[in-house]
Amino acid sequence: MRRAPAYLGAVLVPLGAGLLLHLWAGWSMRSPVRVPTLLAALAGLALTGVALLAHNALFREGGSIVAVVLLVAGLVAVWVEAGDSRVRAAVVGCEITGTARATYHPTFGEGAPSEMWLYHHPLDCPGGYPSEFTAEERIGAAGKKVRVAYDPARRMDPILEKDNVAHGSPVLPSVLLALSVVFSLAAVAAEEPALRGRDA
């Protein structure tokens, strides 16, 4: 099999990029170094770009566009899953100090998040942080005691302690990246007869 490296690359590029992105996302979101969110996202995009270039280099005939789309979708899902797997590390008892301020967020069409109202509750917490938390409903009036979970590095918005749960799942990104591998292997196999004919 003359294209064994291409077969190996078709497996390693999606899975390796997914693993590296997951490790980067997890570290950048939890690290005490406090990597800025924009920098973390730009590094994630750079890794995705390198993965796409490496994927493209495997093929002489252009490969499979389906594999590329699945690769990108899988890497986006890895990033989202890593964020959804996080929980705020600190909890503090606070008091709501006034009336929640409501803001309206319209939808931007089909496929976009639905319209919603968000309620911003002013807080008095030991140490002065957080000074506000946001929810999709009014939690209570001035004077109500609440327990709020927050990220000491301030990379995530504070939420009520009861809502501080991980929602991430590796299933979707794993399926998308595995499908990318399948279509990549099929594209390498499809190129094999054409390459044999040229070399004959």
N, C-alpha and C. Protein backbone atom coordinates (compact mmCIF):
# COMPACT_ATOMS: atom_id res chain seq x y z
N MET A 1 0.87 -1.19 0.00
CA MET A 1 0.00 0.00 0.00
C MET A 1 0.90 1.24 0.00
N ARG A 2 1.00 1.88 -1.16
CA ARG A 2 1.94 2.98 -1.31
C ARG A 2 1.54 4.23 -0.55
N ARG A 3 0.25 4.35 -0.19
CA ARG A 3 -0.20 5.58 0.45
C ARG A 3 -0.48 5.37 1.93
N ALA A 4 0.27 4.44 2.55
CA ALA A 4 0.07 4.16 3.98
C ALA A 4 0.18 5.43 4.83
N PRO A 5 1.14 6.33 4.58
CA PRO A 5 1.19 7.57 5.38
C PRO A 5 -0.08 8.41 5.26
N ALA A 6 -0.70 8.40 4.07
CA ALA A 6 -1.93 9.17 3.89
C ALA A 6 -3.07 8.55 4.69
N TYR A 7 -3.12 7.22 4.70
CA TYR A 7 -4.15 6.55 5.51
C TYR A 7 -3.96 6.88 6.99
N LEU A 8 -2.71 6.81 7.43
CA LEU A 8 -2.42 7.12 8.83
C LEU A 8 -2.76 8.58 9.14
N GLY A 9 -2.39 9.47 8.23
CA GLY A 9 -2.69 10.89 8.43
C GLY A 9 -4.17 11.18 8.46
N ALA A 10 -4.93 10.45 7.64
CA ALA A 10 -6.38 10.65 7.60
C ALA A 10 -7.02 10.32 8.94
N VAL A 11 -6.38 9.44 9.70
CA VAL A 11 -6.87 9.11 11.05
C VAL A 11 -6.32 10.09 12.08
N LEU A 12 -5.02 10.37 11.99
CA LEU A 12 -4.37 11.16 13.03
C LEU A 12 -4.72 12.65 13.01
N VAL A 13 -4.94 13.21 11.81
CA VAL A 13 -5.20 14.65 11.75
C VAL A 13 -6.49 15.03 12.49
N PRO A 14 -7.65 14.43 12.17
CA PRO A 14 -8.86 14.82 12.91
C PRO A 14 -8.79 14.48 14.40
N LEU A 15 -8.33 13.27 14.71
CA LEU A 15 -8.32 12.86 16.12
C LEU A 15 -7.25 13.62 16.91
N GLY A 16 -6.09 13.82 16.30
CA GLY A 16 -5.02 14.57 16.98
C GLY A 16 -5.40 16.02 17.19
N ALA A 17 -6.01 16.64 16.16
CA ALA A 17 -6.43 18.04 16.30
C ALA A 17 -7.51 18.16 17.36
N GLY A 18 -8.45 17.21 17.38
CA GLY A 18 -9.50 17.25 18.40
C GLY A 18 -8.94 17.13 19.80
N LEU A 19 -8.00 16.21 19.98
CA LEU A 19 -7.39 16.04 21.31
C LEU A 19 -6.61 17.28 21.73
N LEU A 20 -5.79 17.82 20.82
CA LEU A 20 -5.00 19.01 21.14
C LEU A 20 -5.90 20.20 21.47
N LEU A 21 -6.97 20.36 20.69
CA LEU A 21 -7.88 21.48 20.94
C LEU A 21 -8.59 21.32 22.28
N HIS A 22 -8.98 20.09 22.60
CA HIS A 22 -9.63 19.85 23.90
C HIS A 22 -8.68 20.16 25.05
N LEU A 23 -7.43 19.72 24.91
CA LEU A 23 -6.43 20.01 25.97
C LEU A 23 -6.19 21.51 26.09
N TRP A 24 -6.06 22.21 24.94
CA TRP A 24 -5.84 23.65 24.98
C TRP A 24 -7.03 24.38 25.59
N ALA A 25 -8.24 24.01 25.15
CA ALA A 25 -9.43 24.69 25.67
C ALA A 25 -9.56 24.47 27.17
N GLY A 26 -9.37 23.23 27.61
CA GLY A 26 -9.46 22.95 29.04
C GLY A 26 -8.42 23.71 29.85
N TRP A 27 -7.17 23.72 29.34
CA TRP A 27 -6.12 24.42 30.08
C TRP A 27 -6.36 25.92 30.09
N SER A 28 -6.70 26.49 28.94
CA SER A 28 -6.85 27.95 28.87
C SER A 28 -8.03 28.43 29.70
N MET A 29 -9.06 27.58 29.87
CA MET A 29 -10.23 27.99 30.64
C MET A 29 -10.07 27.74 32.14
N ARG A 30 -9.09 26.92 32.53
CA ARG A 30 -8.93 26.59 33.94
C ARG A 30 -7.61 27.07 34.52
N SER A 31 -6.68 27.44 33.66
CA SER A 31 -5.32 27.75 34.10
C SER A 31 -5.28 28.97 35.01
N PRO A 32 -4.45 28.92 36.06
CA PRO A 32 -4.26 30.11 36.90
C PRO A 32 -3.56 31.24 36.17
N VAL A 33 -3.00 30.95 34.98
CA VAL A 33 -2.32 31.98 34.19
C VAL A 33 -3.31 33.01 33.67
N ARG A 34 -4.60 32.65 33.64
CA ARG A 34 -5.67 33.54 33.17
C ARG A 34 -5.47 33.99 31.73
N VAL A 35 -5.42 33.02 30.85
CA VAL A 35 -5.30 33.32 29.42
C VAL A 35 -6.53 34.09 28.98
N PRO A 36 -6.37 35.27 28.35
CA PRO A 36 -7.55 36.02 27.89
C PRO A 36 -8.38 35.17 26.92
N THR A 37 -9.70 35.32 27.02
CA THR A 37 -10.60 34.53 26.19
C THR A 37 -10.32 34.71 24.71
N LEU A 38 -10.07 35.96 24.28
CA LEU A 38 -9.79 36.23 22.87
C LEU A 38 -8.53 35.49 22.41
N LEU A 39 -7.47 35.52 23.23
CA LEU A 39 -6.23 34.84 22.89
C LEU A 39 -6.46 33.33 22.81
N ALA A 40 -7.22 32.79 23.77
CA ALA A 40 -7.51 31.35 23.76
C ALA A 40 -8.27 30.96 22.49
N ALA A 41 -9.26 31.78 22.12
CA ALA A 41 -10.05 31.49 20.92
C ALA A 41 -9.20 31.61 19.65
N LEU A 42 -8.32 32.62 19.58
CA LEU A 42 -7.45 32.78 18.42
C LEU A 42 -6.49 31.60 18.27
N ALA A 43 -5.95 31.13 19.40
CA ALA A 43 -5.08 29.95 19.35
C ALA A 43 -5.86 28.72 18.89
N GLY A 44 -7.11 28.60 19.34
CA GLY A 44 -7.95 27.51 18.89
C GLY A 44 -8.22 27.57 17.40
N LEU A 45 -8.46 28.78 16.88
CA LEU A 45 -8.66 28.95 15.43
C LEU A 45 -7.39 28.63 14.66
N ALA A 46 -6.24 29.01 15.22
CA ALA A 46 -4.97 28.71 14.56
C ALA A 46 -4.75 27.20 14.48
N LEU A 47 -5.07 26.49 15.56
CA LEU A 47 -4.94 25.04 15.56
C LEU A 47 -5.88 24.41 14.52
N THR A 48 -7.09 24.96 14.43
CA THR A 48 -8.04 24.46 13.42
C THR A 48 -7.49 24.69 12.01
N GLY A 49 -6.89 25.86 11.78
CA GLY A 49 -6.30 26.15 10.48
C GLY A 49 -5.17 25.21 10.14
N VAL A 50 -4.32 24.91 11.12
CA VAL A 50 -3.22 23.96 10.89
C VAL A 50 -3.77 22.58 10.56
N ALA A 51 -4.83 22.17 11.27
CA ALA A 51 -5.45 20.87 11.00
C ALA A 51 -5.99 20.82 9.58
N LEU A 52 -6.61 21.91 9.11
CA LEU A 52 -7.15 21.94 7.75
C LEU A 52 -6.02 21.88 6.71
N LEU A 53 -4.92 22.59 6.96
CA LEU A 53 -3.78 22.54 6.04
C LEU A 53 -3.18 21.14 6.00
N ALA A 54 -3.04 20.51 7.18
CA ALA A 54 -2.50 19.15 7.24
C ALA A 54 -3.44 18.18 6.52
N HIS A 55 -4.73 18.37 6.71
CA HIS A 55 -5.71 17.51 6.05
C HIS A 55 -5.62 17.67 4.54
N ASN A 56 -5.52 18.89 4.06
CA ASN A 56 -5.44 19.15 2.63
C ASN A 56 -4.16 18.56 2.03
N ALA A 57 -3.08 18.55 2.81
CA ALA A 57 -1.80 18.03 2.31
C ALA A 57 -1.83 16.52 2.09
N LEU A 58 -2.81 15.84 2.64
CA LEU A 58 -2.89 14.39 2.48
C LEU A 58 -3.33 13.98 1.09
N PHE A 59 -3.97 14.88 0.36
CA PHE A 59 -4.65 14.49 -0.87
C PHE A 59 -4.05 15.18 -2.09
N ARG A 60 -3.92 14.43 -3.16
CA ARG A 60 -3.50 15.01 -4.43
C ARG A 60 -4.72 15.47 -5.23
N GLU A 61 -5.86 14.84 -4.99
CA GLU A 61 -7.07 15.13 -5.75
C GLU A 61 -8.06 16.02 -4.98
N GLY A 62 -7.63 16.59 -3.89
CA GLY A 62 -8.50 17.51 -3.15
C GLY A 62 -9.23 16.90 -1.98
N GLY A 63 -9.24 15.56 -1.88
CA GLY A 63 -9.89 14.92 -0.74
C GLY A 63 -11.40 15.05 -0.79
N SER A 64 -11.99 15.01 0.39
CA SER A 64 -13.45 15.03 0.50
C SER A 64 -13.91 16.30 1.20
N ILE A 65 -14.78 17.08 0.55
CA ILE A 65 -15.30 18.30 1.17
C ILE A 65 -16.14 17.95 2.39
N VAL A 66 -16.81 16.78 2.35
CA VAL A 66 -17.60 16.35 3.50
C VAL A 66 -16.69 16.13 4.70
N ALA A 67 -15.52 15.52 4.47
CA ALA A 67 -14.57 15.29 5.57
C ALA A 67 -14.10 16.61 6.17
N VAL A 68 -13.87 17.61 5.31
CA VAL A 68 -13.42 18.92 5.79
C VAL A 68 -14.51 19.58 6.64
N VAL A 69 -15.75 19.54 6.14
CA VAL A 69 -16.86 20.15 6.90
C VAL A 69 -17.03 19.45 8.24
N LEU A 70 -16.94 18.12 8.24
CA LEU A 70 -17.07 17.37 9.49
C LEU A 70 -15.90 17.66 10.43
N LEU A 71 -14.71 17.85 9.88
CA LEU A 71 -13.55 18.18 10.70
C LEU A 71 -13.77 19.52 11.40
N VAL A 72 -14.18 20.53 10.65
CA VAL A 72 -14.42 21.85 11.25
C VAL A 72 -15.55 21.78 12.28
N ALA A 73 -16.65 21.11 11.92
CA ALA A 73 -17.77 20.99 12.86
C ALA A 73 -17.35 20.25 14.12
N GLY A 74 -16.53 19.20 13.95
CA GLY A 74 -16.06 18.45 15.11
C GLY A 74 -15.18 19.28 16.03
N LEU A 75 -14.31 20.10 15.45
CA LEU A 75 -13.43 20.95 16.27
C LEU A 75 -14.22 22.05 16.97
N VAL A 76 -15.22 22.61 16.29
CA VAL A 76 -16.10 23.59 16.96
C VAL A 76 -16.82 22.92 18.12
N ALA A 77 -17.31 21.70 17.91
CA ALA A 77 -18.01 20.97 18.97
C ALA A 77 -17.08 20.66 20.13
N VAL A 78 -15.80 20.37 19.84
CA VAL A 78 -14.82 20.14 20.91
C VAL A 78 -14.69 21.38 21.79
N TRP A 79 -14.61 22.56 21.14
CA TRP A 79 -14.46 23.81 21.89
C TRP A 79 -15.68 24.08 22.76
N VAL A 80 -16.86 23.89 22.17
CA VAL A 80 -18.11 24.12 22.93
C VAL A 80 -18.21 23.15 24.09
N GLU A 81 -17.89 21.88 23.83
CA GLU A 81 -17.97 20.86 24.88
C GLU A 81 -17.01 21.17 26.02
N ALA A 82 -15.81 21.64 25.67
CA ALA A 82 -14.84 21.96 26.72
C ALA A 82 -15.35 23.10 27.59
N GLY A 83 -15.98 24.10 26.99
CA GLY A 83 -16.54 25.20 27.76
C GLY A 83 -17.71 24.75 28.62
N ASP A 84 -18.57 23.90 28.06
CA ASP A 84 -19.73 23.43 28.80
C ASP A 84 -19.36 22.47 29.92
N SER A 85 -18.15 21.92 29.88
CA SER A 85 -17.71 21.00 30.92
C SER A 85 -17.18 21.73 32.15
N ARG A 86 -17.03 23.03 32.05
CA ARG A 86 -16.47 23.80 33.16
C ARG A 86 -17.51 24.11 34.20
N VAL A 87 -17.09 24.19 35.43
CA VAL A 87 -17.92 24.71 36.51
C VAL A 87 -17.14 25.81 37.20
N ARG A 88 -17.87 26.76 37.79
CA ARG A 88 -17.22 27.84 38.53
C ARG A 88 -16.61 27.26 39.81
N ALA A 89 -15.39 27.67 40.12
CA ALA A 89 -14.65 27.04 41.21
C ALA A 89 -14.98 27.59 42.59
N ALA A 90 -15.61 28.74 42.68
CA ALA A 90 -15.86 29.36 43.98
C ALA A 90 -17.34 29.67 44.17
N VAL A 91 -17.77 29.61 45.43
CA VAL A 91 -19.16 29.93 45.77
C VAL A 91 -19.14 30.92 46.93
N VAL A 92 -20.05 31.89 46.88
CA VAL A 92 -20.11 32.90 47.93
C VAL A 92 -21.56 33.23 48.24
N GLY A 93 -21.84 33.54 49.50
CA GLY A 93 -23.18 33.98 49.89
C GLY A 93 -23.32 35.47 49.69
N CYS A 94 -24.34 35.91 48.99
CA CYS A 94 -24.53 37.32 48.65
C CYS A 94 -25.97 37.75 48.96
N GLU A 95 -26.19 39.05 48.83
CA GLU A 95 -27.53 39.60 49.02
C GLU A 95 -27.89 40.45 47.82
N ILE A 96 -29.10 40.24 47.30
CA ILE A 96 -29.58 41.09 46.21
C ILE A 96 -29.87 42.47 46.79
N THR A 97 -29.35 43.50 46.13
CA THR A 97 -29.42 44.84 46.71
C THR A 97 -30.45 45.75 46.05
N GLY A 98 -31.08 45.31 44.99
CA GLY A 98 -32.04 46.17 44.31
C GLY A 98 -32.86 45.40 43.30
N THR A 99 -33.61 46.13 42.52
CA THR A 99 -34.46 45.52 41.51
C THR A 99 -33.63 45.08 40.31
N ALA A 100 -33.90 43.88 39.82
CA ALA A 100 -33.17 43.38 38.66
C ALA A 100 -33.46 44.23 37.43
N ARG A 101 -32.42 44.54 36.68
CA ARG A 101 -32.54 45.30 35.44
C ARG A 101 -32.77 44.31 34.29
N ALA A 102 -33.82 44.53 33.51
CA ALA A 102 -34.16 43.61 32.42
C ALA A 102 -33.63 44.13 31.09
N THR A 103 -33.08 43.21 30.28
CA THR A 103 -32.65 43.54 28.93
C THR A 103 -33.25 42.53 27.95
N TYR A 104 -33.68 43.04 26.81
CA TYR A 104 -34.31 42.18 25.80
C TYR A 104 -33.29 41.81 24.74
N HIS A 105 -33.26 40.53 24.39
CA HIS A 105 -32.32 40.04 23.38
C HIS A 105 -33.13 39.37 22.27
N PRO A 106 -33.25 40.05 21.11
CA PRO A 106 -34.06 39.49 20.01
C PRO A 106 -33.35 38.34 19.32
N THR A 107 -34.12 37.58 18.59
CA THR A 107 -33.53 36.52 17.77
C THR A 107 -33.05 37.12 16.46
N PHE A 108 -32.14 36.42 15.78
CA PHE A 108 -31.61 36.91 14.51
C PHE A 108 -31.97 35.99 13.36
N GLY A 109 -33.09 35.29 13.50
CA GLY A 109 -33.56 34.46 12.40
C GLY A 109 -33.51 32.99 12.71
N GLU A 110 -33.92 32.21 11.75
CA GLU A 110 -33.98 30.77 11.92
C GLU A 110 -32.59 30.19 12.19
N GLY A 111 -32.51 29.33 13.19
CA GLY A 111 -31.24 28.73 13.57
C GLY A 111 -30.50 29.50 14.64
N ALA A 112 -30.86 30.76 14.85
CA ALA A 112 -30.23 31.58 15.90
C ALA A 112 -30.94 31.32 17.23
N PRO A 113 -30.30 31.68 18.35
CA PRO A 113 -30.98 31.53 19.64
C PRO A 113 -32.31 32.28 19.65
N SER A 114 -33.29 31.74 20.35
CA SER A 114 -34.60 32.39 20.40
C SER A 114 -34.54 33.66 21.22
N GLU A 115 -35.51 34.53 21.02
CA GLU A 115 -35.54 35.79 21.77
C GLU A 115 -35.71 35.50 23.25
N MET A 116 -35.17 36.38 24.07
CA MET A 116 -35.27 36.19 25.52
C MET A 116 -35.10 37.50 26.25
N TRP A 117 -35.57 37.49 27.50
CA TRP A 117 -35.30 38.58 28.44
C TRP A 117 -34.26 38.06 29.43
N LEU A 118 -33.29 38.90 29.75
CA LEU A 118 -32.30 38.57 30.79
C LEU A 118 -32.45 39.56 31.93
N TYR A 119 -32.31 39.05 33.15
CA TYR A 119 -32.47 39.88 34.35
C TYR A 119 -31.14 39.96 35.09
N HIS A 120 -30.66 41.19 35.24
CA HIS A 120 -29.36 41.45 35.85
C HIS A 120 -29.58 41.89 37.29
N HIS A 121 -29.18 41.03 38.23
CA HIS A 121 -29.44 41.27 39.66
C HIS A 121 -28.22 41.90 40.32
N PRO A 122 -28.37 43.09 40.92
CA PRO A 122 -27.25 43.70 41.65
C PRO A 122 -27.00 42.95 42.97
N LEU A 123 -25.72 42.76 43.31
CA LEU A 123 -25.36 41.95 44.48
C LEU A 123 -24.45 42.69 45.43
N ASP A 124 -24.53 42.31 46.69
CA ASP A 124 -23.56 42.71 47.70
C ASP A 124 -22.93 41.42 48.21
N CYS A 125 -21.66 41.20 47.85
CA CYS A 125 -20.96 39.96 48.23
C CYS A 125 -19.71 40.30 49.03
N PRO A 126 -19.29 39.43 49.93
CA PRO A 126 -18.03 39.64 50.64
C PRO A 126 -16.88 39.78 49.65
N GLY A 127 -16.07 40.80 49.80
CA GLY A 127 -14.97 41.03 48.89
C GLY A 127 -15.35 41.86 47.68
N GLY A 128 -16.64 42.13 47.50
CA GLY A 128 -17.07 42.99 46.41
C GLY A 128 -17.28 42.32 45.06
N TYR A 129 -16.97 41.03 44.96
CA TYR A 129 -17.18 40.33 43.69
C TYR A 129 -17.87 39.01 43.95
N PRO A 130 -18.82 38.64 43.14
CA PRO A 130 -19.38 39.38 42.00
C PRO A 130 -20.31 40.50 42.45
N SER A 131 -20.48 41.49 41.63
CA SER A 131 -21.38 42.59 41.96
C SER A 131 -22.72 42.46 41.25
N GLU A 132 -22.83 41.44 40.37
CA GLU A 132 -24.06 41.24 39.61
C GLU A 132 -24.08 39.81 39.07
N PHE A 133 -25.25 39.24 38.92
CA PHE A 133 -25.38 38.01 38.16
C PHE A 133 -26.63 38.08 37.31
N THR A 134 -26.60 37.32 36.22
CA THR A 134 -27.67 37.38 35.23
C THR A 134 -28.40 36.05 35.15
N ALA A 135 -29.72 36.12 35.04
CA ALA A 135 -30.53 34.92 34.90
C ALA A 135 -31.67 35.21 33.92
N GLU A 136 -32.33 34.14 33.48
CA GLU A 136 -33.43 34.30 32.53
C GLU A 136 -34.76 34.54 33.24
N GLU A 137 -34.72 34.72 34.55
CA GLU A 137 -35.90 35.03 35.33
C GLU A 137 -35.49 35.87 36.54
N ARG A 138 -36.46 36.56 37.14
CA ARG A 138 -36.17 37.31 38.36
C ARG A 138 -36.04 36.32 39.51
N ILE A 139 -34.93 36.41 40.22
CA ILE A 139 -34.66 35.46 41.30
C ILE A 139 -35.26 35.91 42.62
N GLY A 140 -35.33 37.20 42.83
CA GLY A 140 -35.88 37.70 44.08
C GLY A 140 -35.74 39.20 44.20
N ALA A 141 -36.36 39.74 45.21
CA ALA A 141 -36.32 41.19 45.45
C ALA A 141 -35.12 41.56 46.31
N ALA A 142 -34.94 42.86 46.52
CA ALA A 142 -33.85 43.35 47.36
C ALA A 142 -33.93 42.72 48.74
N GLY A 143 -32.79 42.32 49.26
CA GLY A 143 -32.73 41.71 50.58
C GLY A 143 -32.66 40.19 50.56
N LYS A 144 -32.97 39.57 49.44
CA LYS A 144 -32.93 38.10 49.37
C LYS A 144 -31.49 37.62 49.36
N LYS A 145 -31.23 36.57 50.15
CA LYS A 145 -29.90 35.95 50.20
C LYS A 145 -29.81 34.89 49.10
N VAL A 146 -28.70 34.89 48.38
CA VAL A 146 -28.48 33.90 47.33
C VAL A 146 -27.04 33.41 47.42
N ARG A 147 -26.84 32.18 46.96
CA ARG A 147 -25.48 31.64 46.87
C ARG A 147 -25.10 31.63 45.40
N VAL A 148 -23.99 32.29 45.12
CA VAL A 148 -23.57 32.51 43.73
C VAL A 148 -22.24 31.82 43.49
N ALA A 149 -22.16 31.09 42.38
CA ALA A 149 -20.91 30.46 41.95
C ALA A 149 -20.22 31.37 40.94
N TYR A 150 -18.92 31.48 41.07
CA TYR A 150 -18.19 32.35 40.15
C TYR A 150 -16.80 31.80 39.87
N ASP A 151 -16.21 32.30 38.81
CA ASP A 151 -14.86 31.93 38.41
C ASP A 151 -13.90 32.98 38.97
N PRO A 152 -13.01 32.59 39.90
CA PRO A 152 -12.09 33.59 40.47
C PRO A 152 -11.26 34.33 39.42
N ALA A 153 -11.00 33.67 38.28
CA ALA A 153 -10.24 34.33 37.22
C ALA A 153 -11.13 35.21 36.35
N ARG A 154 -12.44 35.20 36.62
CA ARG A 154 -13.42 36.06 35.94
C ARG A 154 -13.52 35.81 34.44
N ARG A 155 -13.35 34.54 34.04
CA ARG A 155 -13.51 34.18 32.63
C ARG A 155 -14.93 33.72 32.32
N MET A 156 -15.73 33.47 33.35
CA MET A 156 -17.11 33.04 33.17
C MET A 156 -18.01 33.92 34.01
N ASP A 157 -19.23 34.15 33.52
CA ASP A 157 -20.17 34.97 34.27
C ASP A 157 -20.65 34.22 35.52
N PRO A 158 -20.87 34.94 36.62
CA PRO A 158 -21.41 34.29 37.82
C PRO A 158 -22.82 33.75 37.58
N ILE A 159 -23.16 32.65 38.26
CA ILE A 159 -24.50 32.09 38.19
C ILE A 159 -24.89 31.60 39.58
N LEU A 160 -26.15 31.26 39.76
CA LEU A 160 -26.57 30.68 41.04
C LEU A 160 -25.87 29.35 41.26
N GLU A 161 -25.58 29.05 42.51
CA GLU A 161 -24.87 27.81 42.83
C GLU A 161 -25.60 26.58 42.29
N LYS A 162 -26.92 26.59 42.37
CA LYS A 162 -27.70 25.42 41.93
C LYS A 162 -27.59 25.18 40.42
N ASP A 163 -27.23 26.21 39.67
CA ASP A 163 -27.10 26.08 38.22
C ASP A 163 -25.66 25.78 37.79
N ASN A 164 -24.76 25.67 38.76
CA ASN A 164 -23.34 25.50 38.45
C ASN A 164 -23.01 24.03 38.21
N VAL A 165 -23.47 23.52 37.08
CA VAL A 165 -23.26 22.11 36.74
C VAL A 165 -22.67 22.04 35.33
N ALA A 166 -21.91 20.97 35.10
CA ALA A 166 -21.31 20.76 33.78
C ALA A 166 -22.34 20.14 32.84
N HIS A 167 -22.41 20.68 31.63
CA HIS A 167 -23.35 20.16 30.62
C HIS A 167 -22.62 19.57 29.43
N GLY A 168 -21.30 19.60 29.45
CA GLY A 168 -20.55 19.12 28.29
C GLY A 168 -20.64 17.62 28.11
N SER A 169 -20.54 17.19 26.87
CA SER A 169 -20.52 15.77 26.54
C SER A 169 -19.59 15.56 25.36
N PRO A 170 -18.71 14.57 25.44
CA PRO A 170 -17.78 14.33 24.33
C PRO A 170 -18.41 13.56 23.17
N VAL A 171 -19.68 13.19 23.27
CA VAL A 171 -20.29 12.33 22.26
C VAL A 171 -20.34 13.00 20.89
N LEU A 172 -20.93 14.20 20.81
CA LEU A 172 -21.09 14.86 19.51
C LEU A 172 -19.74 15.13 18.84
N PRO A 173 -18.77 15.77 19.53
CA PRO A 173 -17.49 16.00 18.85
C PRO A 173 -16.82 14.70 18.43
N SER A 174 -16.92 13.64 19.25
CA SER A 174 -16.30 12.36 18.90
C SER A 174 -16.93 11.78 17.64
N VAL A 175 -18.26 11.85 17.54
CA VAL A 175 -18.95 11.33 16.36
C VAL A 175 -18.56 12.11 15.12
N LEU A 176 -18.54 13.44 15.22
CA LEU A 176 -18.20 14.27 14.05
C LEU A 176 -16.78 14.00 13.58
N LEU A 177 -15.83 13.90 14.52
CA LEU A 177 -14.44 13.66 14.14
C LEU A 177 -14.26 12.25 13.59
N ALA A 178 -14.98 11.28 14.16
CA ALA A 178 -14.91 9.91 13.64
C ALA A 178 -15.46 9.84 12.21
N LEU A 179 -16.55 10.56 11.96
CA LEU A 179 -17.08 10.59 10.59
C LEU A 179 -16.11 11.27 9.63
N SER A 180 -15.41 12.30 10.12
CA SER A 180 -14.39 12.94 9.29
C SER A 180 -13.30 11.95 8.92
N VAL A 181 -12.91 11.11 9.88
CA VAL A 181 -11.91 10.07 9.61
C VAL A 181 -12.42 9.12 8.54
N VAL A 182 -13.66 8.69 8.66
CA VAL A 182 -14.24 7.74 7.70
C VAL A 182 -14.23 8.32 6.29
N PHE A 183 -14.69 9.56 6.14
CA PHE A 183 -14.72 10.17 4.81
C PHE A 183 -13.31 10.45 4.29
N SER A 184 -12.38 10.77 5.18
CA SER A 184 -11.00 10.98 4.76
C SER A 184 -10.38 9.67 4.26
N LEU A 185 -10.61 8.58 4.98
CA LEU A 185 -10.09 7.28 4.55
C LEU A 185 -10.69 6.88 3.21
N ALA A 186 -11.98 7.15 3.04
CA ALA A 186 -12.64 6.83 1.77
C ALA A 186 -12.02 7.65 0.63
N ALA A 187 -11.69 8.92 0.90
CA ALA A 187 -11.08 9.77 -0.14
C ALA A 187 -9.68 9.28 -0.50
N VAL A 188 -8.92 8.85 0.51
CA VAL A 188 -7.58 8.31 0.22
C VAL A 188 -7.70 7.03 -0.62
N ALA A 189 -8.66 6.17 -0.24
CA ALA A 189 -8.86 4.93 -0.99
C ALA A 189 -9.30 5.21 -2.42
N ALA A 190 -10.10 6.24 -2.61
CA ALA A 190 -10.57 6.58 -3.96
C ALA A 190 -9.43 7.09 -4.84
N GLU A 191 -8.43 7.72 -4.22
CA GLU A 191 -7.30 8.22 -5.00
C GLU A 191 -6.34 7.12 -5.42
N GLU A 192 -6.34 6.01 -4.69
CA GLU A 192 -5.35 4.95 -4.91
C GLU A 192 -5.34 4.42 -6.35
N PRO A 193 -6.51 4.05 -6.93
CA PRO A 193 -6.48 3.55 -8.33
C PRO A 193 -5.97 4.57 -9.32
N ALA A 194 -6.33 5.83 -9.13
CA ALA A 194 -5.88 6.86 -10.05
C ALA A 194 -4.37 7.03 -9.98
N LEU A 195 -3.81 6.94 -8.76
CA LEU A 195 -2.37 7.08 -8.60
C LEU A 195 -1.64 5.88 -9.22
N ARG A 196 -2.22 4.68 -9.07
CA ARG A 196 -1.62 3.50 -9.67
C ARG A 196 -1.58 3.64 -11.20
N GLY A 197 -2.69 4.17 -11.74
CA GLY A 197 -2.75 4.33 -13.20
C GLY A 197 -1.71 5.31 -13.71
N ARG A 198 -1.44 6.36 -12.95
CA ARG A 198 -0.44 7.36 -13.38
C ARG A 198 0.97 6.77 -13.31
N ASP A 199 1.19 5.93 -12.27
CA ASP A 199 2.53 5.39 -12.07
C ASP A 199 2.83 4.22 -13.03
N ALA A 200 1.77 3.69 -13.65
CA ALA A 200 1.96 2.51 -14.51
C ALA A 200 2.71 2.89 -15.78
